[in-house]
Amino acid sequence: MTKADVINQISEKTGIDRSDVTTTVETLFAVVKDSMAEGENIYVRGFGSFVNKKRAKKIARNISKNTAIIIDEHYVPSFKPSKMFVEQVKSSPRVEAANK
């Protein structure tokens, strides 16, 4: 499912104009990206959490040149779904059929 598909479904289910839904969805994504870039985590009850995970400094290998590379500590964005979200996906008949 693409962002356009999500926008279309929201528009159909709510009756809100597609342009308004598009603006809202784009603004939501911008707020999430900006907040996480500033180091803030976002918690949406019943859905999940957008959190920054810290990756420690480590030494990696460039196998083509056989040299060591130092990768500094850094943060990566991560999403952790809520328990309700996970249970809904697990109990979905579509997911069970796809796994067989």
PDB file of N, CA and C in Angstrom:
ATOM      1  N   MET A   1       0.844  -1.170   0.000  1.00  0.00           N
ATOM      2  CA  MET A   1       0.000   0.000   0.000  1.00  0.00           C
ATOM      3  C   MET A   1       0.893   1.238   0.000  1.00  0.00           C
ATOM      4  N   THR A   2       0.576   2.180  -0.871  1.00  0.00           N
ATOM      5  CA  THR A   2       1.365   3.403  -0.966  1.00  0.00           C
ATOM      6  C   THR A   2       0.714   4.532  -0.182  1.00  0.00           C
ATOM      7  N   LYS A   3       1.433   5.640  -0.072  1.00  0.00           N
ATOM      8  CA  LYS A   3       0.893   6.807   0.620  1.00  0.00           C
ATOM      9  C   LYS A   3      -0.378   7.292  -0.071  1.00  0.00           C
ATOM     10  N   ALA A   4      -0.403   7.253  -1.404  1.00  0.00           N
ATOM     11  CA  ALA A   4      -1.594   7.667  -2.155  1.00  0.00           C
ATOM     12  C   ALA A   4      -2.783   6.764  -1.831  1.00  0.00           C
ATOM     13  N   ASP A   5      -2.536   5.462  -1.684  1.00  0.00           N
ATOM     14  CA  ASP A   5      -3.611   4.533  -1.311  1.00  0.00           C
ATOM     15  C   ASP A   5      -4.157   4.860   0.073  1.00  0.00           C
ATOM     16  N   VAL A   6      -3.285   5.170   1.000  1.00  0.00           N
ATOM     17  CA  VAL A   6      -3.707   5.535   2.359  1.00  0.00           C
ATOM     18  C   VAL A   6      -4.562   6.795   2.309  1.00  0.00           C
ATOM     19  N   ILE A   7      -4.103   7.789   1.559  1.00  0.00           N
ATOM     20  CA  ILE A   7      -4.846   9.047   1.444  1.00  0.00           C
ATOM     21  C   ILE A   7      -6.228   8.798   0.839  1.00  0.00           C
ATOM     22  N   ASN A   8      -6.294   7.981  -0.196  1.00  0.00           N
ATOM     23  CA  ASN A   8      -7.581   7.668  -0.824  1.00  0.00           C
ATOM     24  C   ASN A   8      -8.528   6.976   0.148  1.00  0.00           C
ATOM     25  N   GLN A   9      -8.015   6.012   0.912  1.00  0.00           N
ATOM     26  CA  GLN A   9      -8.869   5.299   1.871  1.00  0.00           C
ATOM     27  C   GLN A   9      -9.378   6.220   2.962  1.00  0.00           C
ATOM     28  N   ILE A  10      -8.512   7.082   3.494  1.00  0.00           N
ATOM     29  CA  ILE A  10      -8.939   8.020   4.528  1.00  0.00           C
ATOM     30  C   ILE A  10     -10.010   8.951   3.962  1.00  0.00           C
ATOM     31  N   SER A  11      -9.800   9.435   2.759  1.00  0.00           N
ATOM     32  CA  SER A  11     -10.755  10.331   2.123  1.00  0.00           C
ATOM     33  C   SER A  11     -12.111   9.653   1.926  1.00  0.00           C
ATOM     34  N   GLU A  12     -12.100   8.400   1.461  1.00  0.00           N
ATOM     35  CA  GLU A  12     -13.345   7.661   1.247  1.00  0.00           C
ATOM     36  C   GLU A  12     -14.069   7.371   2.557  1.00  0.00           C
ATOM     37  N   LYS A  13     -13.325   6.983   3.602  1.00  0.00           N
ATOM     38  CA  LYS A  13     -13.947   6.598   4.869  1.00  0.00           C
ATOM     39  C   LYS A  13     -14.480   7.797   5.646  1.00  0.00           C
ATOM     40  N   THR A  14     -13.832   8.950   5.505  1.00  0.00           N
ATOM     41  CA  THR A  14     -14.233  10.117   6.297  1.00  0.00           C
ATOM     42  C   THR A  14     -15.064  11.120   5.507  1.00  0.00           C
ATOM     43  N   GLY A  15     -14.984  11.079   4.183  1.00  0.00           N
ATOM     44  CA  GLY A  15     -15.687  12.056   3.368  1.00  0.00           C
ATOM     45  C   GLY A  15     -14.963  13.385   3.278  1.00  0.00           C
ATOM     46  N   ILE A  16     -13.738  13.438   3.783  1.00  0.00           N
ATOM     47  CA  ILE A  16     -12.936  14.658   3.726  1.00  0.00           C
ATOM     48  C   ILE A  16     -12.263  14.730   2.357  1.00  0.00           C
ATOM     49  N   ASP A  17     -12.153  15.931   1.825  1.00  0.00           N
ATOM     50  CA  ASP A  17     -11.551  16.143   0.510  1.00  0.00           C
ATOM     51  C   ASP A  17     -10.117  15.603   0.481  1.00  0.00           C
ATOM     52  N   ARG A  18      -9.730  14.998  -0.661  1.00  0.00           N
ATOM     53  CA  ARG A  18      -8.395  14.397  -0.792  1.00  0.00           C
ATOM     54  C   ARG A  18      -7.284  15.405  -0.542  1.00  0.00           C
ATOM     55  N   SER A  19      -7.446  16.626  -0.983  1.00  0.00           N
ATOM     56  CA  SER A  19      -6.384  17.624  -0.799  1.00  0.00           C
ATOM     57  C   SER A  19      -6.165  17.927   0.684  1.00  0.00           C
ATOM     58  N   ASP A  20      -7.259  17.954   1.465  1.00  0.00           N
ATOM     59  CA  ASP A  20      -7.126  18.187   2.909  1.00  0.00           C
ATOM     60  C   ASP A  20      -6.454  17.002   3.588  1.00  0.00           C
ATOM     61  N   VAL A  21      -6.827  15.790   3.170  1.00  0.00           N
ATOM     62  CA  VAL A  21      -6.209  14.591   3.744  1.00  0.00           C
ATOM     63  C   VAL A  21      -4.724  14.543   3.387  1.00  0.00           C
ATOM     64  N   THR A  22      -4.401  14.896   2.136  1.00  0.00           N
ATOM     65  CA  THR A  22      -3.004  14.905   1.704  1.00  0.00           C
ATOM     66  C   THR A  22      -2.182  15.870   2.552  1.00  0.00           C
ATOM     67  N   THR A  23      -2.704  17.054   2.773  1.00  0.00           N
ATOM     68  CA  THR A  23      -2.017  18.051   3.596  1.00  0.00           C
ATOM     69  C   THR A  23      -1.810  17.538   5.012  1.00  0.00           C
ATOM     70  N   THR A  24      -2.832  16.907   5.574  1.00  0.00           N
ATOM     71  CA  THR A  24      -2.744  16.388   6.936  1.00  0.00           C
ATOM     72  C   THR A  24      -1.706  15.273   7.037  1.00  0.00           C
ATOM     73  N   VAL A  25      -1.725  14.333   6.104  1.00  0.00           N
ATOM     74  CA  VAL A  25      -0.780  13.212   6.132  1.00  0.00           C
ATOM     75  C   VAL A  25       0.650  13.720   5.945  1.00  0.00           C
ATOM     76  N   GLU A  26       0.847  14.627   4.990  1.00  0.00           N
ATOM     77  CA  GLU A  26       2.185  15.191   4.762  1.00  0.00           C
ATOM     78  C   GLU A  26       2.686  15.926   6.007  1.00  0.00           C
ATOM     79  N   THR A  27       1.790  16.665   6.667  1.00  0.00           N
ATOM     80  CA  THR A  27       2.168  17.396   7.880  1.00  0.00           C
ATOM     81  C   THR A  27       2.512  16.422   9.005  1.00  0.00           C
ATOM     82  N   LEU A  28       1.746  15.334   9.136  1.00  0.00           N
ATOM     83  CA  LEU A  28       2.045  14.322  10.151  1.00  0.00           C
ATOM     84  C   LEU A  28       3.445  13.759   9.948  1.00  0.00           C
ATOM     85  N   PHE A  29       3.771  13.390   8.708  1.00  0.00           N
ATOM     86  CA  PHE A  29       5.102  12.841   8.435  1.00  0.00           C
ATOM     87  C   PHE A  29       6.192  13.873   8.712  1.00  0.00           C
ATOM     88  N   ALA A  30       5.947  15.129   8.376  1.00  0.00           N
ATOM     89  CA  ALA A  30       6.931  16.187   8.629  1.00  0.00           C
ATOM     90  C   ALA A  30       7.160  16.372  10.125  1.00  0.00           C
ATOM     91  N   VAL A  31       6.088  16.346  10.912  1.00  0.00           N
ATOM     92  CA  VAL A  31       6.213  16.498  12.363  1.00  0.00           C
ATOM     93  C   VAL A  31       6.994  15.325  12.956  1.00  0.00           C
ATOM     94  N   VAL A  32       6.695  14.103  12.491  1.00  0.00           N
ATOM     95  CA  VAL A  32       7.413  12.931  12.998  1.00  0.00           C
ATOM     96  C   VAL A  32       8.900  13.045  12.672  1.00  0.00           C
ATOM     97  N   LYS A  33       9.235  13.374  11.428  1.00  0.00           N
ATOM     98  CA  LYS A  33      10.650  13.479  11.036  1.00  0.00           C
ATOM     99  C   LYS A  33      11.359  14.591  11.798  1.00  0.00           C
ATOM    100  N   ASP A  34      10.732  15.760  11.884  1.00  0.00           N
ATOM    101  CA  ASP A  34      11.362  16.891  12.572  1.00  0.00           C
ATOM    102  C   ASP A  34      11.564  16.598  14.056  1.00  0.00           C
ATOM    103  N   SER A  35      10.558  16.016  14.694  1.00  0.00           N
ATOM    104  CA  SER A  35      10.659  15.714  16.124  1.00  0.00           C
ATOM    105  C   SER A  35      11.754  14.689  16.390  1.00  0.00           C
ATOM    106  N   MET A  36      11.818  13.666  15.563  1.00  0.00           N
ATOM    107  CA  MET A  36      12.844  12.648  15.777  1.00  0.00           C
ATOM    108  C   MET A  36      14.233  13.187  15.472  1.00  0.00           C
ATOM    109  N   ALA A  37      14.342  14.087  14.504  1.00  0.00           N
ATOM    110  CA  ALA A  37      15.635  14.699  14.195  1.00  0.00           C
ATOM    111  C   ALA A  37      16.121  15.548  15.365  1.00  0.00           C
ATOM    112  N   GLU A  38      15.178  16.091  16.150  1.00  0.00           N
ATOM    113  CA  GLU A  38      15.540  16.883  17.329  1.00  0.00           C
ATOM    114  C   GLU A  38      15.761  16.005  18.561  1.00  0.00           C
ATOM    115  N   GLY A  39      15.613  14.688  18.408  1.00  0.00           N
ATOM    116  CA  GLY A  39      15.859  13.777  19.522  1.00  0.00           C
ATOM    117  C   GLY A  39      14.629  13.437  20.333  1.00  0.00           C
ATOM    118  N   GLU A  40      13.455  13.870  19.916  1.00  0.00           N
ATOM    119  CA  GLU A  40      12.223  13.576  20.642  1.00  0.00           C
ATOM    120  C   GLU A  40      11.609  12.279  20.131  1.00  0.00           C
ATOM    121  N   ASN A  41      11.130  11.455  21.055  1.00  0.00           N
ATOM    122  CA  ASN A  41      10.398  10.256  20.689  1.00  0.00           C
ATOM    123  C   ASN A  41       8.912  10.598  20.604  1.00  0.00           C
ATOM    124  N   ILE A  42       8.167   9.818  19.820  1.00  0.00           N
ATOM    125  CA  ILE A  42       6.741  10.060  19.655  1.00  0.00           C
ATOM    126  C   ILE A  42       6.002   8.803  20.074  1.00  0.00           C
ATOM    127  N   TYR A  43       5.029   8.967  20.987  1.00  0.00           N
ATOM    128  CA  TYR A  43       4.261   7.844  21.500  1.00  0.00           C
ATOM    129  C   TYR A  43       2.797   8.028  21.112  1.00  0.00           C
ATOM    130  N   VAL A  44       2.250   7.053  20.364  1.00  0.00           N
ATOM    131  CA  VAL A  44       0.852   7.091  19.954  1.00  0.00           C
ATOM    132  C   VAL A  44       0.168   5.897  20.614  1.00  0.00           C
ATOM    133  N   ARG A  45      -0.627   6.179  21.639  1.00  0.00           N
ATOM    134  CA  ARG A  45      -1.278   5.128  22.412  1.00  0.00           C
ATOM    135  C   ARG A  45      -2.154   4.258  21.502  1.00  0.00           C
ATOM    136  N   GLY A  46      -2.002   2.954  21.622  1.00  0.00           N
ATOM    137  CA  GLY A  46      -2.781   2.018  20.834  1.00  0.00           C
ATOM    138  C   GLY A  46      -2.205   1.750  19.452  1.00  0.00           C
ATOM    139  N   PHE A  47      -1.176   2.493  19.059  1.00  0.00           N
ATOM    140  CA  PHE A  47      -0.566   2.312  17.738  1.00  0.00           C
ATOM    141  C   PHE A  47       0.891   1.884  17.866  1.00  0.00           C
ATOM    142  N   GLY A  48       1.697   2.711  18.528  1.00  0.00           N
ATOM    143  CA  GLY A  48       3.105   2.376  18.706  1.00  0.00           C
ATOM    144  C   GLY A  48       3.943   3.588  19.015  1.00  0.00           C
ATOM    145  N   SER A  49       5.248   3.385  19.022  1.00  0.00           N
ATOM    146  CA  SER A  49       6.189   4.442  19.371  1.00  0.00           C
ATOM    147  C   SER A  49       7.240   4.598  18.283  1.00  0.00           C
ATOM    148  N   PHE A  50       7.511   5.844  17.939  1.00  0.00           N
ATOM    149  CA  PHE A  50       8.622   6.174  17.051  1.00  0.00           C
ATOM    150  C   PHE A  50       9.750   6.624  17.962  1.00  0.00           C
ATOM    151  N   VAL A  51      10.836   5.856  17.991  1.00  0.00           N
ATOM    152  CA  VAL A  51      11.924   6.159  18.920  1.00  0.00           C
ATOM    153  C   VAL A  51      13.253   6.202  18.182  1.00  0.00           C
ATOM    154  N   ASN A  52      14.188   6.955  18.757  1.00  0.00           N
ATOM    155  CA  ASN A  52      15.562   6.999  18.257  1.00  0.00           C
ATOM    156  C   ASN A  52      16.368   5.964  19.025  1.00  0.00           C
ATOM    157  N   LYS A  53      16.997   5.043  18.308  1.00  0.00           N
ATOM    158  CA  LYS A  53      17.847   4.047  18.951  1.00  0.00           C
ATOM    159  C   LYS A  53      19.306   4.444  18.750  1.00  0.00           C
ATOM    160  N   LYS A  54      20.062   4.353  19.828  1.00  0.00           N
ATOM    161  CA  LYS A  54      21.477   4.706  19.784  1.00  0.00           C
ATOM    162  C   LYS A  54      22.292   3.494  19.349  1.00  0.00           C
ATOM    163  N   ARG A  55      23.125   3.690  18.347  1.00  0.00           N
ATOM    164  CA  ARG A  55      24.046   2.656  17.893  1.00  0.00           C
ATOM    165  C   ARG A  55      25.432   3.030  18.403  1.00  0.00           C
ATOM    166  N   ALA A  56      26.091   2.101  19.030  1.00  0.00           N
ATOM    167  CA  ALA A  56      27.398   2.357  19.634  1.00  0.00           C
ATOM    168  C   ALA A  56      28.476   2.493  18.562  1.00  0.00           C
ATOM    169  N   LYS A  57      29.570   3.132  18.954  1.00  0.00           N
ATOM    170  CA  LYS A  57      30.742   3.247  18.080  1.00  0.00           C
ATOM    171  C   LYS A  57      31.293   1.851  17.842  1.00  0.00           C
ATOM    172  N   LYS A  58      31.670   1.565  16.599  1.00  0.00           N
ATOM    173  CA  LYS A  58      32.197   0.233  16.308  1.00  0.00           C
ATOM    174  C   LYS A  58      33.217   0.288  15.184  1.00  0.00           C
ATOM    175  N   ILE A  59      33.938  -0.793  15.058  1.00  0.00           N
ATOM    176  CA  ILE A  59      34.930  -0.921  13.988  1.00  0.00           C
ATOM    177  C   ILE A  59      34.364  -1.896  12.959  1.00  0.00           C
ATOM    178  N   ALA A  60      34.324  -1.449  11.713  1.00  0.00           N
ATOM    179  CA  ALA A  60      33.844  -2.288  10.620  1.00  0.00           C
ATOM    180  C   ALA A  60      35.005  -2.561   9.679  1.00  0.00           C
ATOM    181  N   ARG A  61      34.784  -3.473   8.747  1.00  0.00           N
ATOM    182  CA  ARG A  61      35.842  -3.823   7.794  1.00  0.00           C
ATOM    183  C   ARG A  61      35.394  -3.502   6.382  1.00  0.00           C
ATOM    184  N   ASN A  62      36.292  -2.884   5.613  1.00  0.00           N
ATOM    185  CA  ASN A  62      36.087  -2.722   4.177  1.00  0.00           C
ATOM    186  C   ASN A  62      36.792  -3.907   3.532  1.00  0.00           C
ATOM    187  N   ILE A  63      36.033  -4.923   3.161  1.00  0.00           N
ATOM    188  CA  ILE A  63      36.661  -6.171   2.706  1.00  0.00           C
ATOM    189  C   ILE A  63      37.336  -6.028   1.345  1.00  0.00           C
ATOM    190  N   SER A  64      36.908  -5.071   0.528  1.00  0.00           N
ATOM    191  CA  SER A  64      37.558  -4.920  -0.779  1.00  0.00           C
ATOM    192  C   SER A  64      38.964  -4.334  -0.641  1.00  0.00           C
ATOM    193  N   LYS A  65      39.180  -3.473   0.368  1.00  0.00           N
ATOM    194  CA  LYS A  65      40.506  -2.881   0.582  1.00  0.00           C
ATOM    195  C   LYS A  65      41.222  -3.506   1.778  1.00  0.00           C
ATOM    196  N   ASN A  66      40.514  -4.374   2.515  1.00  0.00           N
ATOM    197  CA  ASN A  66      41.055  -5.018   3.703  1.00  0.00           C
ATOM    198  C   ASN A  66      41.549  -3.983   4.720  1.00  0.00           C
ATOM    199  N   THR A  67      40.697  -2.994   4.986  1.00  0.00           N
ATOM    200  CA  THR A  67      41.020  -1.963   5.964  1.00  0.00           C
ATOM    201  C   THR A  67      39.906  -1.862   6.999  1.00  0.00           C
ATOM    202  N   ALA A  68      40.244  -1.295   8.129  1.00  0.00           N
ATOM    203  CA  ALA A  68      39.272  -1.078   9.197  1.00  0.00           C
ATOM    204  C   ALA A  68      38.685   0.324   9.072  1.00  0.00           C
ATOM    205  N   ILE A  69      37.406   0.424   9.356  1.00  0.00           N
ATOM    206  CA  ILE A  69      36.703   1.707   9.324  1.00  0.00           C
ATOM    207  C   ILE A  69      36.046   1.904  10.679  1.00  0.00           C
ATOM    208  N   ILE A  70      36.192   3.088  11.235  1.00  0.00           N
ATOM    209  CA  ILE A  70      35.538   3.385  12.503  1.00  0.00           C
ATOM    210  C   ILE A  70      34.213   4.068  12.202  1.00  0.00           C
ATOM    211  N   ILE A  71      33.147   3.475  12.718  1.00  0.00           N
ATOM    212  CA  ILE A  71      31.811   4.058  12.583  1.00  0.00           C
ATOM    213  C   ILE A  71      31.459   4.669  13.924  1.00  0.00           C
ATOM    214  N   ASP A  72      31.288   5.996  13.953  1.00  0.00           N
ATOM    215  CA  ASP A  72      30.970   6.691  15.194  1.00  0.00           C
ATOM    216  C   ASP A  72      29.581   6.305  15.688  1.00  0.00           C
ATOM    217  N   GLU A  73      29.346   6.578  16.986  1.00  0.00           N
ATOM    218  CA  GLU A  73      28.014   6.317  17.512  1.00  0.00           C
ATOM    219  C   GLU A  73      27.016   7.228  16.800  1.00  0.00           C
ATOM    220  N   HIS A  74      25.819   6.708  16.596  1.00  0.00           N
ATOM    221  CA  HIS A  74      24.803   7.475  15.890  1.00  0.00           C
ATOM    222  C   HIS A  74      23.421   6.955  16.274  1.00  0.00           C
ATOM    223  N   TYR A  75      22.411   7.683  15.875  1.00  0.00           N
ATOM    224  CA  TYR A  75      21.034   7.310  16.166  1.00  0.00           C
ATOM    225  C   TYR A  75      20.329   6.903  14.885  1.00  0.00           C
ATOM    226  N   VAL A  76      19.459   5.899  15.000  1.00  0.00           N
ATOM    227  CA  VAL A  76      18.647   5.467  13.867  1.00  0.00           C
ATOM    228  C   VAL A  76      17.187   5.469  14.304  1.00  0.00           C
ATOM    229  N   PRO A  77      16.282   5.883  13.414  1.00  0.00           N
ATOM    230  CA  PRO A  77      14.867   5.865  13.775  1.00  0.00           C
ATOM    231  C   PRO A  77      14.336   4.439  13.811  1.00  0.00           C
ATOM    232  N   SER A  78      13.406   4.202  14.709  1.00  0.00           N
ATOM    233  CA  SER A  78      12.835   2.875  14.860  1.00  0.00           C
ATOM    234  C   SER A  78      11.362   3.006  15.228  1.00  0.00           C
ATOM    235  N   PHE A  79      10.574   2.006  14.857  1.00  0.00           N
ATOM    236  CA  PHE A  79       9.159   1.983  15.228  1.00  0.00           C
ATOM    237  C   PHE A  79       8.905   0.728  16.038  1.00  0.00           C
ATOM    238  N   LYS A  80       8.261   0.887  17.194  1.00  0.00           N
ATOM    239  CA  LYS A  80       7.886  -0.249  18.023  1.00  0.00           C
ATOM    240  C   LYS A  80       6.367  -0.261  18.128  1.00  0.00           C
ATOM    241  N   PRO A  81       5.708  -1.258  17.522  1.00  0.00           N
ATOM    242  CA  PRO A  81       4.246  -1.294  17.571  1.00  0.00           C
ATOM    243  C   PRO A  81       3.739  -1.600  18.979  1.00  0.00           C
ATOM    244  N   SER A  82       2.533  -1.108  19.289  1.00  0.00           N
ATOM    245  CA  SER A  82       1.935  -1.381  20.592  1.00  0.00           C
ATOM    246  C   SER A  82       1.469  -2.830  20.654  1.00  0.00           C
ATOM    247  N   LYS A  83       1.209  -3.309  21.852  1.00  0.00           N
ATOM    248  CA  LYS A  83       0.747  -4.684  22.023  1.00  0.00           C
ATOM    249  C   LYS A  83      -0.579  -4.903  21.301  1.00  0.00           C
ATOM    250  N   MET A  84      -1.474  -3.914  21.370  1.00  0.00           N
ATOM    251  CA  MET A  84      -2.768  -4.033  20.687  1.00  0.00           C
ATOM    252  C   MET A  84      -2.582  -4.150  19.179  1.00  0.00           C
ATOM    253  N   PHE A  85      -1.665  -3.379  18.627  1.00  0.00           N
ATOM    254  CA  PHE A  85      -1.373  -3.407  17.196  1.00  0.00           C
ATOM    255  C   PHE A  85      -0.840  -4.787  16.794  1.00  0.00           C
ATOM    256  N   VAL A  86       0.105  -5.300  17.558  1.00  0.00           N
ATOM    257  CA  VAL A  86       0.700  -6.598  17.266  1.00  0.00           C
ATOM    258  C   VAL A  86      -0.354  -7.699  17.330  1.00  0.00           C
ATOM    259  N   GLU A  87      -1.206  -7.669  18.355  1.00  0.00           N
ATOM    260  CA  GLU A  87      -2.240  -8.693  18.498  1.00  0.00           C
ATOM    261  C   GLU A  87      -3.240  -8.641  17.351  1.00  0.00           C
ATOM    262  N   GLN A  88      -3.590  -7.434  16.907  1.00  0.00           N
ATOM    263  CA  GLN A  88      -4.534  -7.308  15.800  1.00  0.00           C
ATOM    264  C   GLN A  88      -3.951  -7.896  14.517  1.00  0.00           C
ATOM    265  N   VAL A  89      -2.671  -7.647  14.271  1.00  0.00           N
ATOM    266  CA  VAL A  89      -2.025  -8.189  13.073  1.00  0.00           C
ATOM    267  C   VAL A  89      -1.888  -9.704  13.179  1.00  0.00           C
ATOM    268  N   LYS A  90      -1.505 -10.199  14.360  1.00  0.00           N
ATOM    269  CA  LYS A  90      -1.344 -11.643  14.545  1.00  0.00           C
ATOM    270  C   LYS A  90      -2.647 -12.403  14.342  1.00  0.00           C
ATOM    271  N   SER A  91      -3.756 -11.823  14.799  1.00  0.00           N
ATOM    272  CA  SER A  91      -5.032 -12.523  14.731  1.00  0.00           C
ATOM    273  C   SER A  91      -5.783 -12.267  13.429  1.00  0.00           C
ATOM    274  N   SER A  92      -5.194 -11.515  12.526  1.00  0.00           N
ATOM    275  CA  SER A  92      -5.834 -11.206  11.254  1.00  0.00           C
ATOM    276  C   SER A  92      -5.883 -12.450  10.372  1.00  0.00           C
ATOM    277  N   PRO A  93      -7.054 -12.776   9.801  1.00  0.00           N
ATOM    278  CA  PRO A  93      -7.127 -13.973   8.937  1.00  0.00           C
ATOM    279  C   PRO A  93      -6.291 -13.834   7.663  1.00  0.00           C
ATOM    280  N   ARG A  94      -6.087 -12.631   7.168  1.00  0.00           N
ATOM    281  CA  ARG A  94      -5.279 -12.433   5.973  1.00  0.00           C
ATOM    282  C   ARG A  94      -3.828 -12.790   6.214  1.00  0.00           C
ATOM    283  N   VAL A  95      -3.320 -12.464   7.378  1.00  0.00           N
ATOM    284  CA  VAL A  95      -1.926 -12.771   7.697  1.00  0.00           C
ATOM    285  C   VAL A  95      -1.761 -14.274   7.844  1.00  0.00           C
ATOM    286  N   GLU A  96      -2.719 -14.942   8.502  1.00  0.00           N
ATOM    287  CA  GLU A  96      -2.636 -16.386   8.673  1.00  0.00           C
ATOM    288  C   GLU A  96      -2.669 -17.089   7.318  1.00  0.00           C
ATOM    289  N   ALA A  97      -3.495 -16.620   6.386  1.00  0.00           N
ATOM    290  CA  ALA A  97      -3.579 -17.234   5.072  1.00  0.00           C
ATOM    291  C   ALA A  97      -2.297 -17.007   4.278  1.00  0.00           C
ATOM    292  N   ALA A  98      -1.681 -15.858   4.431  1.00  0.00           N
ATOM    293  CA  ALA A  98      -0.449 -15.545   3.687  1.00  0.00           C
ATOM    294  C   ALA A  98       0.720 -16.389   4.180  1.00  0.00           C
ATOM    295  N   ASN A  99       0.720 -16.778   5.444  1.00  0.00           N
ATOM    296  CA  ASN A  99       1.823 -17.554   6.005  1.00  0.00           C
ATOM    297  C   ASN A  99       1.738 -19.036   5.689  1.00  0.00           C
ATOM    298  N   LYS A 100       0.633 -19.504   5.148  1.00  0.00           N
ATOM    299  CA  LYS A 100       0.477 -20.941   4.852  1.00  0.00           C
ATOM    300  C   LYS A 100       1.027 -21.297   3.510  1.00  0.00           C
TER     301      LYS A 100
END
